[in-house]
C-alpha atoms as a PDB file:
ATOM      1  CA  UNK A   1     -43.509  -3.317-160.786  1.00  0.00           C
ATOM      2  CA  UNK A   2     -40.140  -4.222-159.206  1.00  0.00           C
ATOM      3  CA  UNK A   3     -38.862  -0.672-159.700  1.00  0.00           C
ATOM      4  CA  UNK A   4     -41.927   0.681-157.899  1.00  0.00           C
ATOM      5  CA  UNK A   5     -41.426  -1.714-154.977  1.00  0.00           C
ATOM      6  CA  UNK A   6     -37.754  -0.770-154.675  1.00  0.00           C
ATOM      7  CA  UNK A   7     -38.646   2.908-154.771  1.00  0.00           C
ATOM      8  CA  UNK A   8     -41.197   2.475-151.977  1.00  0.00           C
ATOM      9  CA  UNK A   9     -38.679   0.507-149.890  1.00  0.00           C
ATOM     10  CA  UNK A  10     -35.959   3.118-150.391  1.00  0.00           C
ATOM     11  CA  UNK A  11     -38.324   5.959-149.523  1.00  0.00           C
ATOM     12  CA  UNK A  12     -39.490   4.093-146.435  1.00  0.00           C
ATOM     13  CA  UNK A  13     -35.928   3.481-145.262  1.00  0.00           C
ATOM     14  CA  UNK A  14     -35.035   7.105-145.892  1.00  0.00           C
ATOM     15  CA  UNK A  15     -38.021   8.226-143.843  1.00  0.00           C
ATOM     16  CA  UNK A  16     -37.080   5.921-140.966  1.00  0.00           C
ATOM     17  CA  UNK A  17     -33.508   7.177-140.980  1.00  0.00           C
ATOM     18  CA  UNK A  18     -34.626  10.801-141.095  1.00  0.00           C
ATOM     19  CA  UNK A  19     -36.999  10.310-138.155  1.00  0.00           C
ATOM     20  CA  UNK A  20     -34.324   8.554-136.108  1.00  0.00           C
ATOM     21  CA  UNK A  21     -31.679  11.205-136.805  1.00  0.00           C
ATOM     22  CA  UNK A  22     -33.674  13.960-135.125  1.00  0.00           C
ATOM     23  CA  UNK A  23     -34.595  11.930-132.083  1.00  0.00           C
ATOM     24  CA  UNK A  24     -32.702  12.433-128.838  1.00  0.00           C
ATOM     25  CA  UNK A  25     -34.794   9.994-126.798  1.00  0.00           C
ATOM     26  CA  UNK A  26     -32.574   7.103-127.776  1.00  0.00           C
ATOM     27  CA  UNK A  27     -29.524   8.561-126.039  1.00  0.00           C
ATOM     28  CA  UNK A  28     -30.423   6.994-122.692  1.00  0.00           C
ATOM     29  CA  UNK A  29     -29.507  10.174-120.847  1.00  0.00           C
ATOM     30  CA  UNK A  30     -31.715  11.454-118.047  1.00  0.00           C
ATOM     31  CA  UNK A  31     -33.110  14.969-118.330  1.00  0.00           C
ATOM     32  CA  UNK A  32     -30.775  17.584-116.879  1.00  0.00           C
ATOM     33  CA  UNK A  33     -33.442  19.755-115.267  1.00  0.00           C
ATOM     34  CA  UNK A  34     -36.201  19.613-112.681  1.00  0.00           C
ATOM     35  CA  UNK A  35     -39.766  20.712-113.427  1.00  0.00           C
ATOM     36  CA  UNK A  36     -41.691  22.145-110.488  1.00  0.00           C
ATOM     37  CA  UNK A  37     -45.330  22.954-111.100  1.00  0.00           C
ATOM     38  CA  UNK A  38     -49.004  22.509-110.385  1.00  0.00           C
ATOM     39  CA  UNK A  39     -50.332  22.022-113.916  1.00  0.00           C
ATOM     40  CA  UNK A  40     -50.940  25.745-114.369  1.00  0.00           C
ATOM     41  CA  UNK A  41     -47.592  27.205-113.390  1.00  0.00           C
ATOM     42  CA  UNK A  42     -44.342  25.371-114.098  1.00  0.00           C
ATOM     43  CA  UNK A  43     -40.746  26.368-113.550  1.00  0.00           C
ATOM     44  CA  UNK A  44     -37.743  24.360-114.730  1.00  0.00           C
ATOM     45  CA  UNK A  45     -34.507  24.358-112.746  1.00  0.00           C
ATOM     46  CA  UNK A  46     -31.057  23.342-113.924  1.00  0.00           C
ATOM     47  CA  UNK A  47     -28.502  22.009-111.460  1.00  0.00           C
ATOM     48  CA  UNK A  48     -26.822  25.434-111.561  1.00  0.00           C
ATOM     49  CA  UNK A  49     -30.153  27.103-110.715  1.00  0.00           C
ATOM     50  CA  UNK A  50     -30.554  24.796-107.716  1.00  0.00           C
ATOM     51  CA  UNK A  51     -26.970  25.367-106.598  1.00  0.00           C
ATOM     52  CA  UNK A  52     -27.631  29.127-106.576  1.00  0.00           C
ATOM     53  CA  UNK A  53     -30.409  28.685-103.989  1.00  0.00           C
ATOM     54  CA  UNK A  54     -29.707  28.354-100.244  1.00  0.00           C
ATOM     55  CA  UNK A  55     -28.056  24.982 -99.648  1.00  0.00           C
ATOM     56  CA  UNK A  56     -28.211  22.521 -96.783  1.00  0.00           C
ATOM     57  CA  UNK A  57     -26.900  19.052 -95.983  1.00  0.00           C
ATOM     58  CA  UNK A  58     -28.824  15.952 -94.912  1.00  0.00           C
ATOM     59  CA  UNK A  59     -27.784  12.356 -94.421  1.00  0.00           C
ATOM     60  CA  UNK A  60     -29.478   9.236 -95.774  1.00  0.00           C
ATOM     61  CA  UNK A  61     -27.988   5.763 -95.318  1.00  0.00           C
ATOM     62  CA  UNK A  62     -24.713   7.208 -94.017  1.00  0.00           C
ATOM     63  CA  UNK A  63     -24.195   9.418 -97.078  1.00  0.00           C
ATOM     64  CA  UNK A  64     -24.201  13.194 -96.597  1.00  0.00           C
ATOM     65  CA  UNK A  65     -26.005  14.960 -99.450  1.00  0.00           C
ATOM     66  CA  UNK A  66     -25.969  18.626-100.440  1.00  0.00           C
ATOM     67  CA  UNK A  67     -29.007  20.297-101.944  1.00  0.00           C
ATOM     68  CA  UNK A  68     -31.893  22.707-101.638  1.00  0.00           C
ATOM     69  CA  UNK A  69     -34.403  22.238 -98.830  1.00  0.00           C
ATOM     70  CA  UNK A  70     -37.676  21.256-100.507  1.00  0.00           C
ATOM     71  CA  UNK A  71     -39.673  24.006 -98.795  1.00  0.00           C
ATOM     72  CA  UNK A  72     -37.169  26.613-100.072  1.00  0.00           C
ATOM     73  CA  UNK A  73     -37.443  25.275-103.639  1.00  0.00           C
ATOM     74  CA  UNK A  74     -41.251  25.342-103.495  1.00  0.00           C
ATOM     75  CA  UNK A  75     -41.185  28.960-102.325  1.00  0.00           C
ATOM     76  CA  UNK A  76     -38.728  29.907-105.057  1.00  0.00           C
ATOM     77  CA  UNK A  77     -41.032  28.298-107.635  1.00  0.00           C
ATOM     78  CA  UNK A  78     -43.849  30.574-106.438  1.00  0.00           C
ATOM     79  CA  UNK A  79     -45.728  28.234-104.094  1.00  0.00           C
ATOM     80  CA  UNK A  80     -46.592  28.742-100.428  1.00  0.00           C
ATOM     81  CA  UNK A  81     -45.580  25.483 -98.710  1.00  0.00           C
ATOM     82  CA  UNK A  82     -48.194  26.152 -96.016  1.00  0.00           C
ATOM     83  CA  UNK A  83     -50.970  26.153 -98.652  1.00  0.00           C
ATOM     84  CA  UNK A  84     -49.901  22.976-100.492  1.00  0.00           C
ATOM     85  CA  UNK A  85     -51.786  19.714 -99.839  1.00  0.00           C
ATOM     86  CA  UNK A  86     -49.189  17.371-101.345  1.00  0.00           C
ATOM     87  CA  UNK A  87     -46.087  17.137-103.507  1.00  0.00           C
ATOM     88  CA  UNK A  88     -45.505  14.266-105.914  1.00  0.00           C
ATOM     89  CA  UNK A  89     -41.865  13.448-106.704  1.00  0.00           C
ATOM     90  CA  UNK A  90     -41.447  11.805-110.133  1.00  0.00           C
ATOM     91  CA  UNK A  91     -38.374   9.873-111.324  1.00  0.00           C
ATOM     92  CA  UNK A  92     -37.139   9.609-114.922  1.00  0.00           C
ATOM     93  CA  UNK A  93     -38.487   6.041-115.138  1.00  0.00           C
ATOM     94  CA  UNK A  94     -41.981   7.123-114.026  1.00  0.00           C
ATOM     95  CA  UNK A  95     -41.694   5.982-110.396  1.00  0.00           C
ATOM     96  CA  UNK A  96     -43.396   8.492-108.103  1.00  0.00           C
ATOM     97  CA  UNK A  97     -44.023   9.138-104.426  1.00  0.00           C
ATOM     98  CA  UNK A  98     -46.495  11.504-102.770  1.00  0.00           C
ATOM     99  CA  UNK A  99     -45.342  13.591 -99.820  1.00  0.00           C
ATOM    100  CA  UNK A 100     -47.738  15.130 -97.302  1.00  0.00           C
ATOM    101  CA  UNK A 101     -47.130  18.562 -95.707  1.00  0.00           C
ATOM    102  CA  UNK A 102     -45.547  17.084 -92.577  1.00  0.00           C
ATOM    103  CA  UNK A 103     -42.794  15.715 -94.793  1.00  0.00           C
ATOM    104  CA  UNK A 104     -42.157  18.431 -97.388  1.00  0.00           C
ATOM    105  CA  UNK A 105     -42.154  21.235 -94.814  1.00  0.00           C
ATOM    106  CA  UNK A 106     -39.329  19.648 -92.826  1.00  0.00           C
ATOM    107  CA  UNK A 107     -36.063  21.587 -92.826  1.00  0.00           C
ATOM    108  CA  UNK A 108     -33.938  18.497 -93.561  1.00  0.00           C
ATOM    109  CA  UNK A 109     -35.772  17.243 -96.686  1.00  0.00           C
ATOM    110  CA  UNK A 110     -33.638  18.070 -99.735  1.00  0.00           C
ATOM    111  CA  UNK A 111     -33.584  18.033-103.484  1.00  0.00           C
ATOM    112  CA  UNK A 112     -29.957  16.930-103.677  1.00  0.00           C
ATOM    113  CA  UNK A 113     -27.594  17.756-106.538  1.00  0.00           C
ATOM    114  CA  UNK A 114     -24.356  16.497-104.902  1.00  0.00           C
ATOM    115  CA  UNK A 115     -22.902  14.602-102.001  1.00  0.00           C
ATOM    116  CA  UNK A 116     -20.706  16.302 -99.429  1.00  0.00           C
ATOM    117  CA  UNK A 117     -17.749  14.617-101.173  1.00  0.00           C
ATOM    118  CA  UNK A 118     -18.703  15.544-104.759  1.00  0.00           C
ATOM    119  CA  UNK A 119     -21.037  14.447-107.529  1.00  0.00           C
ATOM    120  CA  UNK A 120     -24.020  12.133-107.139  1.00  0.00           C
ATOM    121  CA  UNK A 121     -23.564   8.556-108.297  1.00  0.00           C
ATOM    122  CA  UNK A 122     -24.870   7.318-111.643  1.00  0.00           C
ATOM    123  CA  UNK A 123     -27.566   5.406-109.725  1.00  0.00           C
ATOM    124  CA  UNK A 124     -28.728   8.646-108.098  1.00  0.00           C
ATOM    125  CA  UNK A 125     -28.968  10.462-111.425  1.00  0.00           C
ATOM    126  CA  UNK A 126     -28.648  14.206-111.747  1.00  0.00           C
ATOM    127  CA  UNK A 127     -30.979  14.914-108.817  1.00  0.00           C
ATOM    128  CA  UNK A 128     -32.532  12.945-105.981  1.00  0.00           C
ATOM    129  CA  UNK A 129     -34.759  13.421-102.961  1.00  0.00           C
ATOM    130  CA  UNK A 130     -33.133  13.032 -99.564  1.00  0.00           C
ATOM    131  CA  UNK A 131     -35.366  12.342 -96.575  1.00  0.00           C
ATOM    132  CA  UNK A 132     -33.348  11.361 -93.514  1.00  0.00           C
ATOM    133  CA  UNK A 133     -34.706   8.466 -91.431  1.00  0.00           C
ATOM    134  CA  UNK A 134     -37.295   7.554 -94.101  1.00  0.00           C
ATOM    135  CA  UNK A 135     -37.747   4.371 -96.087  1.00  0.00           C
ATOM    136  CA  UNK A 136     -35.608   4.070 -99.197  1.00  0.00           C
ATOM    137  CA  UNK A 137     -38.658   4.152-101.474  1.00  0.00           C
ATOM    138  CA  UNK A 138     -39.392   7.723-100.333  1.00  0.00           C
ATOM    139  CA  UNK A 139     -35.902   8.889-101.365  1.00  0.00           C
ATOM    140  CA  UNK A 140     -36.610   9.151-105.101  1.00  0.00           C
ATOM    141  CA  UNK A 141     -33.536   8.868-107.325  1.00  0.00           C
ATOM    142  CA  UNK A 142     -33.265  10.258-110.888  1.00  0.00           C
ATOM    143  CA  UNK A 143     -35.705  13.023-109.919  1.00  0.00           C
ATOM    144  CA  UNK A 144     -37.123  14.958-112.899  1.00  0.00           C
ATOM    145  CA  UNK A 145     -40.344  16.542-111.652  1.00  0.00           C
ATOM    146  CA  UNK A 146     -42.122  17.804-108.551  1.00  0.00           C
ATOM    147  CA  UNK A 147     -45.884  18.045-109.013  1.00  0.00           C
ATOM    148  CA  UNK A 148     -47.533  20.413-106.563  1.00  0.00           C
ATOM    149  CA  UNK A 149     -51.092  19.704-105.387  1.00  0.00           C
ATOM    150  CA  UNK A 150     -52.575  23.012-104.149  1.00  0.00           C
END
C-alpha cells in the first residue's frame, strides 16, 4: 500500500513539474505585441511593425512620446476610422478604456512605442496610449489590445 501511495505522489509531482516547465505565463513579462481587431478580423503588430508606420509625436504630462497616430494604425489594420463607433484600449492587467470617434480620430492621439528621448519606462510597458490634455486614466499603459467596435 505504501509503495502505491509513493508511486502516486511521484507521478503527481512529475506531472506538476512537467506542466510548469512548458508554461511561460509565470515569467511576469508583458506581451510584446498589440492585437487590433473587431472579433472577426485581427491583426497583431510588433513594436518593429509599429515603428515602420508613419510616426508622430505627442506630449502627455510634459513627456514627449513617439508613436503611430491611432487613426493611421486603424486604417493599416483594415478599418475605416470614419465607420467605427468606438475603440476599446486594453492593458495587460485587464484595465480598459473606451474611446469615442471624436477621440480616436484626432491627429495627436498615439499608440506610443518610445519617448522622444528613447525607450518607454517599465511603468509604461512596451506600448501605451498617449492622449494629450486628457485625464491620466485615458492614457492606458501596458497596452496589449485595441478592440474595434464597428
